[in-house]
Amino acid sequence: MCRPPGIVNADYVIVQDENIKAQFEQHDPDGKPLEGKFLAIGSPKFDKVLTSKKEDFILPARWQQIIQVKKIVLYNTSLKAALEHSDMVCRKLRYVF
């Protein structure tokens, strides 16, 4: 996972935090850490989820009508997992939903 072509060919790789950055730098399969390549500046998706409040969003009237008093859950999936293990991901999604 530390040396796929996307990482090797990128000038910089943005990672979520310093812990993940250290993992990439320390666990290089060739024993040559790519120091300076990884930037721990967060994830826009996760940062938005963590800093958002219910009051920050206005639901369209149609959504409010459909949702009413139901609890809404954000179910995040991984594109990598879906591409590499599509059969297992489909089974898991069927099970979850």
PDB file of N, CA and C in Angstrom:
ATOM      1  N   MET A   1       0.818  -1.196   0.000  1.00  0.00           N
ATOM      2  CA  MET A   1       0.000   0.000   0.000  1.00  0.00           C
ATOM      3  C   MET A   1       0.862   1.260   0.000  1.00  0.00           C
ATOM      4  N   CYS A   2       2.086   1.150   0.441  1.00  0.00           N
ATOM      5  CA  CYS A   2       2.929   2.344   0.549  1.00  0.00           C
ATOM      6  C   CYS A   2       3.569   2.766  -0.766  1.00  0.00           C
ATOM      7  N   ARG A   3       3.556   1.899  -1.775  1.00  0.00           N
ATOM      8  CA  ARG A   3       4.225   2.271  -3.020  1.00  0.00           C
ATOM      9  C   ARG A   3       3.426   2.000  -4.285  1.00  0.00           C
ATOM     10  N   PRO A   4       2.115   2.271  -4.320  1.00  0.00           N
ATOM     11  CA  PRO A   4       1.427   2.102  -5.598  1.00  0.00           C
ATOM     12  C   PRO A   4       1.885   3.193  -6.564  1.00  0.00           C
ATOM     13  N   PRO A   5       1.663   3.004  -7.859  1.00  0.00           N
ATOM     14  CA  PRO A   5       2.131   3.972  -8.851  1.00  0.00           C
ATOM     15  C   PRO A   5       1.679   5.408  -8.575  1.00  0.00           C
ATOM     16  N   GLY A   6       0.477   5.573  -8.040  1.00  0.00           N
ATOM     17  CA  GLY A   6      -0.004   6.928  -7.762  1.00  0.00           C
ATOM     18  C   GLY A   6       0.867   7.663  -6.767  1.00  0.00           C
ATOM     19  N   ILE A   7       1.384   6.950  -5.793  1.00  0.00           N
ATOM     20  CA  ILE A   7       2.266   7.569  -4.798  1.00  0.00           C
ATOM     21  C   ILE A   7       3.655   7.763  -5.377  1.00  0.00           C
ATOM     22  N   VAL A   8       4.169   6.765  -6.049  1.00  0.00           N
ATOM     23  CA  VAL A   8       5.514   6.839  -6.613  1.00  0.00           C
ATOM     24  C   VAL A   8       5.620   7.982  -7.620  1.00  0.00           C
ATOM     25  N   ASN A   9       4.606   8.156  -8.453  1.00  0.00           N
ATOM     26  CA  ASN A   9       4.662   9.161  -9.515  1.00  0.00           C
ATOM     27  C   ASN A   9       4.178  10.548  -9.098  1.00  0.00           C
ATOM     28  N   ALA A  10       3.656  10.683  -7.903  1.00  0.00           N
ATOM     29  CA  ALA A  10       3.155  11.982  -7.438  1.00  0.00           C
ATOM     30  C   ALA A  10       4.294  12.823  -6.883  1.00  0.00           C
ATOM     31  N   ASP A  11       4.161  14.139  -7.041  1.00  0.00           N
ATOM     32  CA  ASP A  11       5.128  15.037  -6.416  1.00  0.00           C
ATOM     33  C   ASP A  11       4.916  15.061  -4.908  1.00  0.00           C
ATOM     34  N   TYR A  12       3.641  15.122  -4.500  1.00  0.00           N
ATOM     35  CA  TYR A  12       3.276  15.130  -3.083  1.00  0.00           C
ATOM     36  C   TYR A  12       2.042  14.265  -2.889  1.00  0.00           C
ATOM     37  N   VAL A  13       1.902  13.705  -1.691  1.00  0.00           N
ATOM     38  CA  VAL A  13       0.732  12.912  -1.345  1.00  0.00           C
ATOM     39  C   VAL A  13       0.135  13.520  -0.077  1.00  0.00           C
ATOM     40  N   ILE A  14      -1.113  13.930  -0.144  1.00  0.00           N
ATOM     41  CA  ILE A  14      -1.789  14.515   1.005  1.00  0.00           C
ATOM     42  C   ILE A  14      -2.414  13.396   1.817  1.00  0.00           C
ATOM     43  N   VAL A  15      -2.086  13.363   3.109  1.00  0.00           N
ATOM     44  CA  VAL A  15      -2.637  12.354   4.006  1.00  0.00           C
ATOM     45  C   VAL A  15      -3.386  13.041   5.138  1.00  0.00           C
ATOM     46  N   GLN A  16      -4.183  12.252   5.858  1.00  0.00           N
ATOM     47  CA  GLN A  16      -5.097  12.792   6.857  1.00  0.00           C
ATOM     48  C   GLN A  16      -4.394  13.386   8.070  1.00  0.00           C
ATOM     49  N   ASP A  17      -3.367  12.698   8.595  1.00  0.00           N
ATOM     50  CA  ASP A  17      -2.730  13.189   9.820  1.00  0.00           C
ATOM     51  C   ASP A  17      -1.284  12.700   9.913  1.00  0.00           C
ATOM     52  N   GLU A  18      -0.598  13.151  10.961  1.00  0.00           N
ATOM     53  CA  GLU A  18       0.811  12.806  11.152  1.00  0.00           C
ATOM     54  C   GLU A  18       1.025  11.305  11.364  1.00  0.00           C
ATOM     55  N   ASN A  19       0.072  10.626  11.979  1.00  0.00           N
ATOM     56  CA  ASN A  19       0.183   9.187  12.204  1.00  0.00           C
ATOM     57  C   ASN A  19       0.230   8.434  10.870  1.00  0.00           C
ATOM     58  N   ILE A  20      -0.657   8.778   9.974  1.00  0.00           N
ATOM     59  CA  ILE A  20      -0.683   8.120   8.658  1.00  0.00           C
ATOM     60  C   ILE A  20       0.566   8.485   7.867  1.00  0.00           C
ATOM     61  N   LYS A  21       0.990   9.735   7.973  1.00  0.00           N
ATOM     62  CA  LYS A  21       2.222  10.164   7.303  1.00  0.00           C
ATOM     63  C   LYS A  21       3.401   9.313   7.774  1.00  0.00           C
ATOM     64  N   ALA A  22       3.525   9.108   9.084  1.00  0.00           N
ATOM     65  CA  ALA A  22       4.621   8.309   9.640  1.00  0.00           C
ATOM     66  C   ALA A  22       4.547   6.868   9.151  1.00  0.00           C
ATOM     67  N   GLN A  23       3.342   6.332   9.037  1.00  0.00           N
ATOM     68  CA  GLN A  23       3.190   4.957   8.552  1.00  0.00           C
ATOM     69  C   GLN A  23       3.716   4.823   7.124  1.00  0.00           C
ATOM     70  N   PHE A  24       3.380   5.766   6.269  1.00  0.00           N
ATOM     71  CA  PHE A  24       3.861   5.711   4.885  1.00  0.00           C
ATOM     72  C   PHE A  24       5.374   5.861   4.837  1.00  0.00           C
ATOM     73  N   GLU A  25       5.908   6.766   5.662  1.00  0.00           N
ATOM     74  CA  GLU A  25       7.355   7.008   5.628  1.00  0.00           C
ATOM     75  C   GLU A  25       8.147   5.845   6.235  1.00  0.00           C
ATOM     76  N   GLN A  26       7.596   5.153   7.219  1.00  0.00           N
ATOM     77  CA  GLN A  26       8.326   4.098   7.917  1.00  0.00           C
ATOM     78  C   GLN A  26       8.155   2.718   7.300  1.00  0.00           C
ATOM     79  N   HIS A  27       7.061   2.467   6.610  1.00  0.00           N
ATOM     80  CA  HIS A  27       6.765   1.113   6.129  1.00  0.00           C
ATOM     81  C   HIS A  27       6.911   0.979   4.622  1.00  0.00           C
ATOM     82  N   ASP A  28       7.913   1.580   4.084  1.00  0.00           N
ATOM     83  CA  ASP A  28       8.149   1.466   2.655  1.00  0.00           C
ATOM     84  C   ASP A  28       8.709   0.080   2.340  1.00  0.00           C
ATOM     85  N   PRO A  29       8.119  -0.643   1.378  1.00  0.00           N
ATOM     86  CA  PRO A  29       8.571  -2.004   1.078  1.00  0.00           C
ATOM     87  C   PRO A  29      10.005  -2.084   0.557  1.00  0.00           C
ATOM     88  N   ASP A  30      10.509  -1.025  -0.049  1.00  0.00           N
ATOM     89  CA  ASP A  30      11.885  -1.033  -0.567  1.00  0.00           C
ATOM     90  C   ASP A  30      12.897  -0.604   0.490  1.00  0.00           C
ATOM     91  N   GLY A  31      12.414  -0.237   1.673  1.00  0.00           N
ATOM     92  CA  GLY A  31      13.313   0.209   2.730  1.00  0.00           C
ATOM     93  C   GLY A  31      13.846   1.611   2.517  1.00  0.00           C
ATOM     94  N   LYS A  32      13.277   2.326   1.554  1.00  0.00           N
ATOM     95  CA  LYS A  32      13.692   3.703   1.276  1.00  0.00           C
ATOM     96  C   LYS A  32      12.512   4.641   1.504  1.00  0.00           C
ATOM     97  N   PRO A  33      12.354   5.132   2.729  1.00  0.00           N
ATOM     98  CA  PRO A  33      11.209   6.014   3.005  1.00  0.00           C
ATOM     99  C   PRO A  33      11.198   7.234   2.085  1.00  0.00           C
ATOM    100  N   LEU A  34      10.037   7.618   1.661  1.00  0.00           N
ATOM    101  CA  LEU A  34       9.878   8.766   0.775  1.00  0.00           C
ATOM    102  C   LEU A  34       9.619  10.027   1.614  1.00  0.00           C
ATOM    103  N   GLU A  35      10.580  10.396   2.443  1.00  0.00           N
ATOM    104  CA  GLU A  35      10.413  11.547   3.330  1.00  0.00           C
ATOM    105  C   GLU A  35      10.266  12.829   2.522  1.00  0.00           C
ATOM    106  N   GLY A  36       9.379  13.694   3.000  1.00  0.00           N
ATOM    107  CA  GLY A  36       9.133  14.969   2.336  1.00  0.00           C
ATOM    108  C   GLY A  36       8.050  14.904   1.272  1.00  0.00           C
ATOM    109  N   LYS A  37       7.656  13.711   0.893  1.00  0.00           N
ATOM    110  CA  LYS A  37       6.639  13.539  -0.135  1.00  0.00           C
ATOM    111  C   LYS A  37       5.231  13.625   0.448  1.00  0.00           C
ATOM    112  N   PHE A  38       5.079  13.244   1.711  1.00  0.00           N
ATOM    113  CA  PHE A  38       3.763  13.169   2.343  1.00  0.00           C
ATOM    114  C   PHE A  38       3.470  14.431   3.144  1.00  0.00           C
ATOM    115  N   LEU A  39       2.307  15.014   2.900  1.00  0.00           N
ATOM    116  CA  LEU A  39       1.880  16.231   3.596  1.00  0.00           C
ATOM    117  C   LEU A  39       0.657  15.907   4.438  1.00  0.00           C
ATOM    118  N   ALA A  40       0.793  16.038   5.748  1.00  0.00           N
ATOM    119  CA  ALA A  40      -0.310  15.743   6.668  1.00  0.00           C
ATOM    120  C   ALA A  40      -1.134  17.009   6.863  1.00  0.00           C
ATOM    121  N   ILE A  41      -2.025  17.285   5.915  1.00  0.00           N
ATOM    122  CA  ILE A  41      -2.822  18.515   5.999  1.00  0.00           C
ATOM    123  C   ILE A  41      -4.320  18.234   6.111  1.00  0.00           C
ATOM    124  N   GLY A  42      -4.679  16.973   6.341  1.00  0.00           N
ATOM    125  CA  GLY A  42      -6.080  16.645   6.567  1.00  0.00           C
ATOM    126  C   GLY A  42      -6.784  16.135   5.331  1.00  0.00           C
ATOM    127  N   SER A  43      -8.041  15.825   5.532  1.00  0.00           N
ATOM    128  CA  SER A  43      -8.892  15.327   4.467  1.00  0.00           C
ATOM    129  C   SER A  43     -10.096  16.252   4.365  1.00  0.00           C
ATOM    130  N   PRO A  44     -10.303  16.898   3.233  1.00  0.00           N
ATOM    131  CA  PRO A  44     -11.452  17.806   3.123  1.00  0.00           C
ATOM    132  C   PRO A  44     -12.775  17.140   3.477  1.00  0.00           C
ATOM    133  N   LYS A  45     -12.939  15.883   3.083  1.00  0.00           N
ATOM    134  CA  LYS A  45     -14.189  15.186   3.357  1.00  0.00           C
ATOM    135  C   LYS A  45     -14.373  14.984   4.865  1.00  0.00           C
ATOM    136  N   PHE A  46     -13.350  14.429   5.513  1.00  0.00           N
ATOM    137  CA  PHE A  46     -13.460  14.181   6.947  1.00  0.00           C
ATOM    138  C   PHE A  46     -13.509  15.478   7.744  1.00  0.00           C
ATOM    139  N   ASP A  47     -12.709  16.456   7.337  1.00  0.00           N
ATOM    140  CA  ASP A  47     -12.701  17.739   8.044  1.00  0.00           C
ATOM    141  C   ASP A  47     -14.079  18.389   7.999  1.00  0.00           C
ATOM    142  N   LYS A  48     -14.730  18.321   6.862  1.00  0.00           N
ATOM    143  CA  LYS A  48     -16.074  18.904   6.728  1.00  0.00           C
ATOM    144  C   LYS A  48     -17.069  18.182   7.626  1.00  0.00           C
ATOM    145  N   VAL A  49     -17.010  16.862   7.646  1.00  0.00           N
ATOM    146  CA  VAL A  49     -17.916  16.081   8.485  1.00  0.00           C
ATOM    147  C   VAL A  49     -17.688  16.418   9.960  1.00  0.00           C
ATOM    148  N   LEU A  50     -16.431  16.490  10.368  1.00  0.00           N
ATOM    149  CA  LEU A  50     -16.120  16.718  11.780  1.00  0.00           C
ATOM    150  C   LEU A  50     -16.467  18.123  12.263  1.00  0.00           C
ATOM    151  N   THR A  51     -16.394  19.101  11.369  1.00  0.00           N
ATOM    152  CA  THR A  51     -16.635  20.483  11.794  1.00  0.00           C
ATOM    153  C   THR A  51     -18.049  20.988  11.506  1.00  0.00           C
ATOM    154  N   SER A  52     -18.841  20.212  10.814  1.00  0.00           N
ATOM    155  CA  SER A  52     -20.195  20.652  10.453  1.00  0.00           C
ATOM    156  C   SER A  52     -21.174  20.459  11.596  1.00  0.00           C
ATOM    157  N   LYS A  53     -22.155  21.333  11.626  1.00  0.00           N
ATOM    158  CA  LYS A  53     -23.254  21.221  12.596  1.00  0.00           C
ATOM    159  C   LYS A  53     -24.562  21.152  11.826  1.00  0.00           C
ATOM    160  N   LYS A  54     -25.542  20.601  12.454  1.00  0.00           N
ATOM    161  CA  LYS A  54     -26.859  20.465  11.823  1.00  0.00           C
ATOM    162  C   LYS A  54     -27.377  21.824  11.352  1.00  0.00           C
ATOM    163  N   GLU A  55     -27.100  22.851  12.138  1.00  0.00           N
ATOM    164  CA  GLU A  55     -27.586  24.199  11.816  1.00  0.00           C
ATOM    165  C   GLU A  55     -26.942  24.790  10.559  1.00  0.00           C
ATOM    166  N   ASP A  56     -25.821  24.208  10.125  1.00  0.00           N
ATOM    167  CA  ASP A  56     -25.102  24.726   8.961  1.00  0.00           C
ATOM    168  C   ASP A  56     -25.791  24.379   7.633  1.00  0.00           C
ATOM    169  N   PHE A  57     -26.773  23.485   7.691  1.00  0.00           N
ATOM    170  CA  PHE A  57     -27.382  22.999   6.459  1.00  0.00           C
ATOM    171  C   PHE A  57     -28.891  23.212   6.461  1.00  0.00           C
ATOM    172  N   ILE A  58     -29.403  23.554   5.308  1.00  0.00           N
ATOM    173  CA  ILE A  58     -30.843  23.694   5.131  1.00  0.00           C
ATOM    174  C   ILE A  58     -31.273  22.625   4.132  1.00  0.00           C
ATOM    175  N   LEU A  59     -32.134  21.740   4.584  1.00  0.00           N
ATOM    176  CA  LEU A  59     -32.618  20.693   3.687  1.00  0.00           C
ATOM    177  C   LEU A  59     -33.708  21.236   2.770  1.00  0.00           C
ATOM    178  N   PRO A  60     -33.681  20.835   1.520  1.00  0.00           N
ATOM    179  CA  PRO A  60     -34.769  21.216   0.626  1.00  0.00           C
ATOM    180  C   PRO A  60     -36.098  20.664   1.162  1.00  0.00           C
ATOM    181  N   ALA A  61     -37.162  21.346   0.875  1.00  0.00           N
ATOM    182  CA  ALA A  61     -38.487  20.958   1.371  1.00  0.00           C
ATOM    183  C   ALA A  61     -38.831  19.517   0.990  1.00  0.00           C
ATOM    184  N   ARG A  62     -38.478  19.095  -0.198  1.00  0.00           N
ATOM    185  CA  ARG A  62     -38.774  17.728  -0.647  1.00  0.00           C
ATOM    186  C   ARG A  62     -38.065  16.702   0.243  1.00  0.00           C
ATOM    187  N   TRP A  63     -36.806  16.968   0.592  1.00  0.00           N
ATOM    188  CA  TRP A  63     -36.062  16.063   1.465  1.00  0.00           C
ATOM    189  C   TRP A  63     -36.708  16.019   2.840  1.00  0.00           C
ATOM    190  N   GLN A  64     -37.087  17.173   3.358  1.00  0.00           N
ATOM    191  CA  GLN A  64     -37.727  17.228   4.673  1.00  0.00           C
ATOM    192  C   GLN A  64     -39.005  16.395   4.679  1.00  0.00           C
ATOM    193  N   GLN A  65     -39.735  16.456   3.591  1.00  0.00           N
ATOM    194  CA  GLN A  65     -40.971  15.698   3.466  1.00  0.00           C
ATOM    195  C   GLN A  65     -40.684  14.191   3.484  1.00  0.00           C
ATOM    196  N   ILE A  66     -39.643  13.768   2.804  1.00  0.00           N
ATOM    197  CA  ILE A  66     -39.289  12.354   2.738  1.00  0.00           C
ATOM    198  C   ILE A  66     -38.710  11.875   4.074  1.00  0.00           C
ATOM    199  N   ILE A  67     -37.832  12.642   4.645  1.00  0.00           N
ATOM    200  CA  ILE A  67     -37.126  12.244   5.860  1.00  0.00           C
ATOM    201  C   ILE A  67     -38.017  12.307   7.097  1.00  0.00           C
ATOM    202  N   GLN A  68     -38.750  13.372   7.223  1.00  0.00           N
ATOM    203  CA  GLN A  68     -39.595  13.631   8.394  1.00  0.00           C
ATOM    204  C   GLN A  68     -38.770  13.491   9.667  1.00  0.00           C
ATOM    205  N   VAL A  69     -39.057  12.508  10.515  1.00  0.00           N
ATOM    206  CA  VAL A  69     -38.348  12.377  11.793  1.00  0.00           C
ATOM    207  C   VAL A  69     -37.353  11.213  11.793  1.00  0.00           C
ATOM    208  N   LYS A  70     -37.024  10.697  10.631  1.00  0.00           N
ATOM    209  CA  LYS A  70     -36.114   9.552  10.544  1.00  0.00           C
ATOM    210  C   LYS A  70     -34.679   9.974  10.863  1.00  0.00           C
ATOM    211  N   LYS A  71     -33.924   9.029  11.368  1.00  0.00           N
ATOM    212  CA  LYS A  71     -32.511   9.248  11.630  1.00  0.00           C
ATOM    213  C   LYS A  71     -31.744   8.980  10.335  1.00  0.00           C
ATOM    214  N   ILE A  72     -30.820   9.849   9.981  1.00  0.00           N
ATOM    215  CA  ILE A  72     -30.044   9.730   8.753  1.00  0.00           C
ATOM    216  C   ILE A  72     -28.614   9.354   9.121  1.00  0.00           C
ATOM    217  N   VAL A  73     -28.066   8.362   8.415  1.00  0.00           N
ATOM    218  CA  VAL A  73     -26.716   7.885   8.690  1.00  0.00           C
ATOM    219  C   VAL A  73     -25.881   8.046   7.429  1.00  0.00           C
ATOM    220  N   LEU A  74     -24.672   8.591   7.578  1.00  0.00           N
ATOM    221  CA  LEU A  74     -23.735   8.694   6.465  1.00  0.00           C
ATOM    222  C   LEU A  74     -22.929   7.404   6.424  1.00  0.00           C
ATOM    223  N   TYR A  75     -23.034   6.657   5.358  1.00  0.00           N
ATOM    224  CA  TYR A  75     -22.294   5.407   5.196  1.00  0.00           C
ATOM    225  C   TYR A  75     -21.218   5.642   4.156  1.00  0.00           C
ATOM    226  N   ASN A  76     -19.983   5.700   4.595  1.00  0.00           N
ATOM    227  CA  ASN A  76     -18.864   6.011   3.716  1.00  0.00           C
ATOM    228  C   ASN A  76     -18.265   4.725   3.153  1.00  0.00           C
ATOM    229  N   THR A  77     -17.978   4.707   1.881  1.00  0.00           N
ATOM    230  CA  THR A  77     -17.366   3.546   1.251  1.00  0.00           C
ATOM    231  C   THR A  77     -16.027   3.945   0.647  1.00  0.00           C
ATOM    232  N   SER A  78     -15.241   2.953   0.282  1.00  0.00           N
ATOM    233  CA  SER A  78     -13.929   3.180  -0.293  1.00  0.00           C
ATOM    234  C   SER A  78     -13.945   2.750  -1.758  1.00  0.00           C
ATOM    235  N   LEU A  79     -13.510   3.614  -2.617  1.00  0.00           N
ATOM    236  CA  LEU A  79     -13.448   3.274  -4.036  1.00  0.00           C
ATOM    237  C   LEU A  79     -12.424   2.165  -4.277  1.00  0.00           C
ATOM    238  N   LYS A  80     -11.306   2.228  -3.564  1.00  0.00           N
ATOM    239  CA  LYS A  80     -10.267   1.214  -3.734  1.00  0.00           C
ATOM    240  C   LYS A  80     -10.823  -0.174  -3.416  1.00  0.00           C
ATOM    241  N   ALA A  81     -11.493  -0.291  -2.287  1.00  0.00           N
ATOM    242  CA  ALA A  81     -12.060  -1.591  -1.905  1.00  0.00           C
ATOM    243  C   ALA A  81     -13.091  -2.057  -2.925  1.00  0.00           C
ATOM    244  N   ALA A  82     -13.917  -1.127  -3.405  1.00  0.00           N
ATOM    245  CA  ALA A  82     -14.952  -1.486  -4.378  1.00  0.00           C
ATOM    246  C   ALA A  82     -14.335  -1.992  -5.687  1.00  0.00           C
ATOM    247  N   LEU A  83     -13.228  -1.407  -6.092  1.00  0.00           N
ATOM    248  CA  LEU A  83     -12.578  -1.832  -7.336  1.00  0.00           C
ATOM    249  C   LEU A  83     -11.822  -3.148  -7.175  1.00  0.00           C
ATOM    250  N   GLU A  84     -11.191  -3.336  -6.025  1.00  0.00           N
ATOM    251  CA  GLU A  84     -10.379  -4.532  -5.821  1.00  0.00           C
ATOM    252  C   GLU A  84     -11.195  -5.751  -5.390  1.00  0.00           C
ATOM    253  N   HIS A  85     -12.269  -5.513  -4.650  1.00  0.00           N
ATOM    254  CA  HIS A  85     -13.043  -6.618  -4.090  1.00  0.00           C
ATOM    255  C   HIS A  85     -14.538  -6.388  -4.314  1.00  0.00           C
ATOM    256  N   SER A  86     -14.922  -6.132  -5.546  1.00  0.00           N
ATOM    257  CA  SER A  86     -16.300  -5.729  -5.833  1.00  0.00           C
ATOM    258  C   SER A  86     -17.333  -6.738  -5.352  1.00  0.00           C
ATOM    259  N   ASP A  87     -17.043  -8.021  -5.478  1.00  0.00           N
ATOM    260  CA  ASP A  87     -18.023  -9.021  -5.032  1.00  0.00           C
ATOM    261  C   ASP A  87     -18.235  -8.954  -3.526  1.00  0.00           C
ATOM    262  N   MET A  88     -17.160  -8.817  -2.761  1.00  0.00           N
ATOM    263  CA  MET A  88     -17.288  -8.746  -1.306  1.00  0.00           C
ATOM    264  C   MET A  88     -17.951  -7.434  -0.874  1.00  0.00           C
ATOM    265  N   VAL A  89     -17.617  -6.339  -1.563  1.00  0.00           N
ATOM    266  CA  VAL A  89     -18.218  -5.044  -1.228  1.00  0.00           C
ATOM    267  C   VAL A  89     -19.719  -5.080  -1.493  1.00  0.00           C
ATOM    268  N   CYS A  90     -20.126  -5.662  -2.616  1.00  0.00           N
ATOM    269  CA  CYS A  90     -21.564  -5.766  -2.927  1.00  0.00           C
ATOM    270  C   CYS A  90     -22.289  -6.599  -1.879  1.00  0.00           C
ATOM    271  N   ARG A  91     -21.669  -7.714  -1.464  1.00  0.00           N
ATOM    272  CA  ARG A  91     -22.282  -8.544  -0.418  1.00  0.00           C
ATOM    273  C   ARG A  91     -22.416  -7.774   0.890  1.00  0.00           C
ATOM    274  N   LYS A  92     -21.372  -7.038   1.235  1.00  0.00           N
ATOM    275  CA  LYS A  92     -21.416  -6.270   2.481  1.00  0.00           C
ATOM    276  C   LYS A  92     -22.492  -5.194   2.420  1.00  0.00           C
ATOM    277  N   LEU A  93     -22.579  -4.490   1.304  1.00  0.00           N
ATOM    278  CA  LEU A  93     -23.603  -3.445   1.166  1.00  0.00           C
ATOM    279  C   LEU A  93     -25.006  -4.037   1.255  1.00  0.00           C
ATOM    280  N   ARG A  94     -25.212  -5.183   0.612  1.00  0.00           N
ATOM    281  CA  ARG A  94     -26.524  -5.843   0.726  1.00  0.00           C
ATOM    282  C   ARG A  94     -26.831  -6.195   2.170  1.00  0.00           C
ATOM    283  N   TYR A  95     -25.825  -6.698   2.877  1.00  0.00           N
ATOM    284  CA  TYR A  95     -26.005  -7.073   4.286  1.00  0.00           C
ATOM    285  C   TYR A  95     -26.327  -5.840   5.134  1.00  0.00           C
ATOM    286  N   VAL A  96     -25.554  -4.777   4.954  1.00  0.00           N
ATOM    287  CA  VAL A  96     -25.736  -3.563   5.765  1.00  0.00           C
ATOM    288  C   VAL A  96     -27.100  -2.945   5.523  1.00  0.00           C
ATOM    289  N   PHE A  97     -27.483  -2.827   4.238  1.00  0.00           N
ATOM    290  CA  PHE A  97     -28.749  -2.150   3.948  1.00  0.00           C
ATOM    291  C   PHE A  97     -29.927  -3.099   4.042  1.00  0.00           C
TER     292      PHE A  97
END
